[in-house]
Amino acid sequence: MVGIKNRNIVLCILFSILTCGIYAFYWTYVISNDSRLLAGDEPGAGLDIILDIITCGIFGFVVVYKSSKRMYEVDLYHKGRASDDSTLVTLLYALMAIASLAILQTKINAYAEVDGQYQ
């Protein structure tokens, strides 16, 4: 899809750890925007991230849940089949947020543009 970049998950995890979680806020922003673009919505995750920072990460559960729901709808539309794992991904976010973000990024990478071609 246009505007969706294939992100290296290992580097995203490494940057999140090295910056003590600051990069994770950016990564959450990118995941939210990319899932919105894939679902055909307008990008605009800025308010989501501001609320996530203000609530010390609590609003991140809402962002992850909504992004996961959007990816379920995208998979259902493009592949004709999908499993709704939004609740599982959100629960995993409580235990290990980086793993939850990595799962969502993997789903987004399936629709990312690589060298001008779609996967």
C-alpha atoms as a PDB file:
ATOM      1  CA  MET A   1       0.000   0.000   0.000  1.00  0.00           C
ATOM      2  CA  VAL A   2       1.132   3.522  -0.669  1.00  0.00           C
ATOM      3  CA  GLY A   3       2.806   5.112   2.340  1.00  0.00           C
ATOM      4  CA  ILE A   4       3.213   1.891   4.311  1.00  0.00           C
ATOM      5  CA  LYS A   5       6.862   1.108   5.004  1.00  0.00           C
ATOM      6  CA  ASN A   6       8.246  -2.303   5.814  1.00  0.00           C
ATOM      7  CA  ARG A   7       9.840  -1.789   9.225  1.00  0.00           C
ATOM      8  CA  ASN A   8      12.531  -3.991  10.709  1.00  0.00           C
ATOM      9  CA  ILE A   9      10.963  -5.366  13.884  1.00  0.00           C
ATOM     10  CA  VAL A  10      14.299  -6.211  15.533  1.00  0.00           C
ATOM     11  CA  LEU A  11      15.521  -2.633  15.096  1.00  0.00           C
ATOM     12  CA  CYS A  12      12.223  -1.248  16.441  1.00  0.00           C
ATOM     13  CA  ILE A  13      12.554  -3.437  19.535  1.00  0.00           C
ATOM     14  CA  LEU A  14      16.214  -2.461  19.954  1.00  0.00           C
ATOM     15  CA  PHE A  15      15.453   1.269  19.613  1.00  0.00           C
ATOM     16  CA  SER A  16      12.590   0.925  22.119  1.00  0.00           C
ATOM     17  CA  ILE A  17      14.921  -0.669  24.656  1.00  0.00           C
ATOM     18  CA  LEU A  18      17.823   1.742  24.053  1.00  0.00           C
ATOM     19  CA  THR A  19      15.580   4.815  24.427  1.00  0.00           C
ATOM     20  CA  CYS A  20      13.879   3.438  27.552  1.00  0.00           C
ATOM     21  CA  GLY A  21      10.513   3.232  25.832  1.00  0.00           C
ATOM     22  CA  ILE A  22      10.456   6.610  24.109  1.00  0.00           C
ATOM     23  CA  TYR A  23      10.765   5.023  20.666  1.00  0.00           C
ATOM     24  CA  ALA A  24       7.877   2.717  21.589  1.00  0.00           C
ATOM     25  CA  PHE A  25       5.573   5.759  21.663  1.00  0.00           C
ATOM     26  CA  TYR A  26       6.696   6.642  18.121  1.00  0.00           C
ATOM     27  CA  TRP A  27       6.331   3.009  17.038  1.00  0.00           C
ATOM     28  CA  THR A  28       2.788   2.945  18.449  1.00  0.00           C
ATOM     29  CA  TYR A  29       2.044   6.142  16.514  1.00  0.00           C
ATOM     30  CA  VAL A  30       3.327   4.619  13.265  1.00  0.00           C
ATOM     31  CA  ILE A  31       1.386   1.392  13.799  1.00  0.00           C
ATOM     32  CA  SER A  32      -1.800   3.326  14.485  1.00  0.00           C
ATOM     33  CA  ASN A  33      -1.333   5.506  11.390  1.00  0.00           C
ATOM     34  CA  ASP A  34      -0.437   2.571   9.138  1.00  0.00           C
ATOM     35  CA  SER A  35      -3.421   0.528  10.311  1.00  0.00           C
ATOM     36  CA  ARG A  36      -5.663   3.540   9.653  1.00  0.00           C
ATOM     37  CA  LEU A  37      -4.262   3.904   6.130  1.00  0.00           C
ATOM     38  CA  LEU A  38      -4.735   0.204   5.418  1.00  0.00           C
ATOM     39  CA  ALA A  39      -8.321   0.339   6.666  1.00  0.00           C
ATOM     40  CA  GLY A  40      -9.044   3.331   4.436  1.00  0.00           C
ATOM     41  CA  ASP A  41      -9.345   5.818   7.296  1.00  0.00           C
ATOM     42  CA  GLU A  42      -7.639   9.173   7.499  1.00  0.00           C
ATOM     43  CA  PRO A  43      -4.269   9.084   9.275  1.00  0.00           C
ATOM     44  CA  GLY A  44      -4.339  10.970  12.534  1.00  0.00           C
ATOM     45  CA  ALA A  45      -2.835   9.108  15.438  1.00  0.00           C
ATOM     46  CA  GLY A  46      -1.376  12.230  17.027  1.00  0.00           C
ATOM     47  CA  LEU A  47      -4.168  12.564  19.566  1.00  0.00           C
ATOM     48  CA  ASP A  48      -3.868   8.854  20.396  1.00  0.00           C
ATOM     49  CA  ILE A  49      -0.211   9.241  21.308  1.00  0.00           C
ATOM     50  CA  ILE A  50      -0.765  12.455  23.262  1.00  0.00           C
ATOM     51  CA  LEU A  51      -3.441  10.679  25.318  1.00  0.00           C
ATOM     52  CA  ASP A  52      -1.121   7.686  25.700  1.00  0.00           C
ATOM     53  CA  ILE A  53       1.638   9.909  27.101  1.00  0.00           C
ATOM     54  CA  ILE A  54      -0.725  11.886  29.356  1.00  0.00           C
ATOM     55  CA  THR A  55      -2.202   8.693  30.834  1.00  0.00           C
ATOM     56  CA  CYS A  56       1.279   7.170  31.311  1.00  0.00           C
ATOM     57  CA  GLY A  57       0.642   4.407  28.787  1.00  0.00           C
ATOM     58  CA  ILE A  58      -2.877   3.414  29.820  1.00  0.00           C
ATOM     59  CA  PHE A  59      -4.487   4.768  26.634  1.00  0.00           C
ATOM     60  CA  GLY A  60      -2.022   2.581  24.730  1.00  0.00           C
ATOM     61  CA  PHE A  61      -4.365  -0.327  25.393  1.00  0.00           C
ATOM     62  CA  VAL A  62      -7.078   1.437  23.394  1.00  0.00           C
ATOM     63  CA  VAL A  63      -4.653   2.277  20.577  1.00  0.00           C
ATOM     64  CA  VAL A  64      -3.397  -1.310  20.348  1.00  0.00           C
ATOM     65  CA  TYR A  65      -6.912  -2.753  20.489  1.00  0.00           C
ATOM     66  CA  LYS A  66      -8.215  -0.437  17.746  1.00  0.00           C
ATOM     67  CA  SER A  67      -5.154  -1.036  15.551  1.00  0.00           C
ATOM     68  CA  SER A  68      -5.562  -4.782  15.960  1.00  0.00           C
ATOM     69  CA  LYS A  69      -9.270  -4.561  15.067  1.00  0.00           C
ATOM     70  CA  ARG A  70      -8.398  -2.542  11.954  1.00  0.00           C
ATOM     71  CA  MET A  71      -5.826  -5.134  10.896  1.00  0.00           C
ATOM     72  CA  TYR A  72      -8.431  -7.874  11.377  1.00  0.00           C
ATOM     73  CA  GLU A  73     -10.794  -6.012   9.045  1.00  0.00           C
ATOM     74  CA  VAL A  74      -7.997  -5.452   6.501  1.00  0.00           C
ATOM     75  CA  ASP A  75      -7.045  -9.154   6.557  1.00  0.00           C
ATOM     76  CA  LEU A  76     -10.684 -10.136   6.211  1.00  0.00           C
ATOM     77  CA  TYR A  77     -11.139  -7.827   3.229  1.00  0.00           C
ATOM     78  CA  HIS A  78      -7.916  -8.725   1.383  1.00  0.00           C
ATOM     79  CA  LYS A  79      -7.543 -12.400   2.243  1.00  0.00           C
ATOM     80  CA  GLY A  80     -11.171 -13.347   2.792  1.00  0.00           C
ATOM     81  CA  ARG A  81     -10.289 -14.970   6.089  1.00  0.00           C
ATOM     82  CA  ALA A  82      -8.766 -13.733   9.302  1.00  0.00           C
ATOM     83  CA  SER A  83      -8.579 -14.450  12.993  1.00  0.00           C
ATOM     84  CA  ASP A  84      -9.593 -11.723  15.391  1.00  0.00           C
ATOM     85  CA  ASP A  85      -6.784 -11.729  17.927  1.00  0.00           C
ATOM     86  CA  SER A  86      -7.319  -8.152  19.111  1.00  0.00           C
ATOM     87  CA  THR A  87      -8.171  -9.217  22.668  1.00  0.00           C
ATOM     88  CA  LEU A  88      -5.102 -11.452  22.862  1.00  0.00           C
ATOM     89  CA  VAL A  89      -2.826  -8.719  21.488  1.00  0.00           C
ATOM     90  CA  THR A  90      -4.270  -6.224  23.984  1.00  0.00           C
ATOM     91  CA  LEU A  91      -3.751  -8.611  26.912  1.00  0.00           C
ATOM     92  CA  LEU A  92      -0.207  -9.246  25.721  1.00  0.00           C
ATOM     93  CA  TYR A  93       0.299  -5.468  25.716  1.00  0.00           C
ATOM     94  CA  ALA A  94      -0.245  -5.537  29.482  1.00  0.00           C
ATOM     95  CA  LEU A  95       2.485  -8.133  29.961  1.00  0.00           C
ATOM     96  CA  MET A  96       4.965  -7.129  27.293  1.00  0.00           C
ATOM     97  CA  ALA A  97       4.075  -4.126  25.155  1.00  0.00           C
ATOM     98  CA  ILE A  98       6.971  -4.583  22.741  1.00  0.00           C
ATOM     99  CA  ALA A  99       5.800  -8.091  21.796  1.00  0.00           C
ATOM    100  CA  SER A 100       2.318  -6.769  21.132  1.00  0.00           C
ATOM    101  CA  LEU A 101       3.694  -4.023  18.901  1.00  0.00           C
ATOM    102  CA  ALA A 102       5.874  -6.562  17.093  1.00  0.00           C
ATOM    103  CA  ILE A 103       2.815  -8.711  16.287  1.00  0.00           C
ATOM    104  CA  LEU A 104       0.970  -5.709  14.884  1.00  0.00           C
ATOM    105  CA  GLN A 105       4.026  -4.634  12.884  1.00  0.00           C
ATOM    106  CA  THR A 106       4.287  -8.121  11.398  1.00  0.00           C
ATOM    107  CA  LYS A 107       0.698  -7.843  10.186  1.00  0.00           C
ATOM    108  CA  ILE A 108       1.334  -4.379   8.741  1.00  0.00           C
ATOM    109  CA  ASN A 109       4.566  -5.506   7.046  1.00  0.00           C
ATOM    110  CA  ALA A 110       2.515  -8.027   5.063  1.00  0.00           C
ATOM    111  CA  TYR A 111       0.953  -5.052   3.237  1.00  0.00           C
ATOM    112  CA  ALA A 112       4.065  -2.877   3.048  1.00  0.00           C
ATOM    113  CA  GLU A 113       5.736  -1.755  -0.107  1.00  0.00           C
ATOM    114  CA  VAL A 114       9.169  -3.271  -0.731  1.00  0.00           C
ATOM    115  CA  ASP A 115      11.330  -1.771  -3.517  1.00  0.00           C
ATOM    116  CA  GLY A 116       8.278  -0.354  -5.273  1.00  0.00           C
ATOM    117  CA  GLN A 117       6.475  -3.695  -5.208  1.00  0.00           C
ATOM    118  CA  TYR A 118       3.812  -4.983  -2.865  1.00  0.00           C
ATOM    119  CA  GLN A 119       4.372  -8.268  -1.092  1.00  0.00           C
END
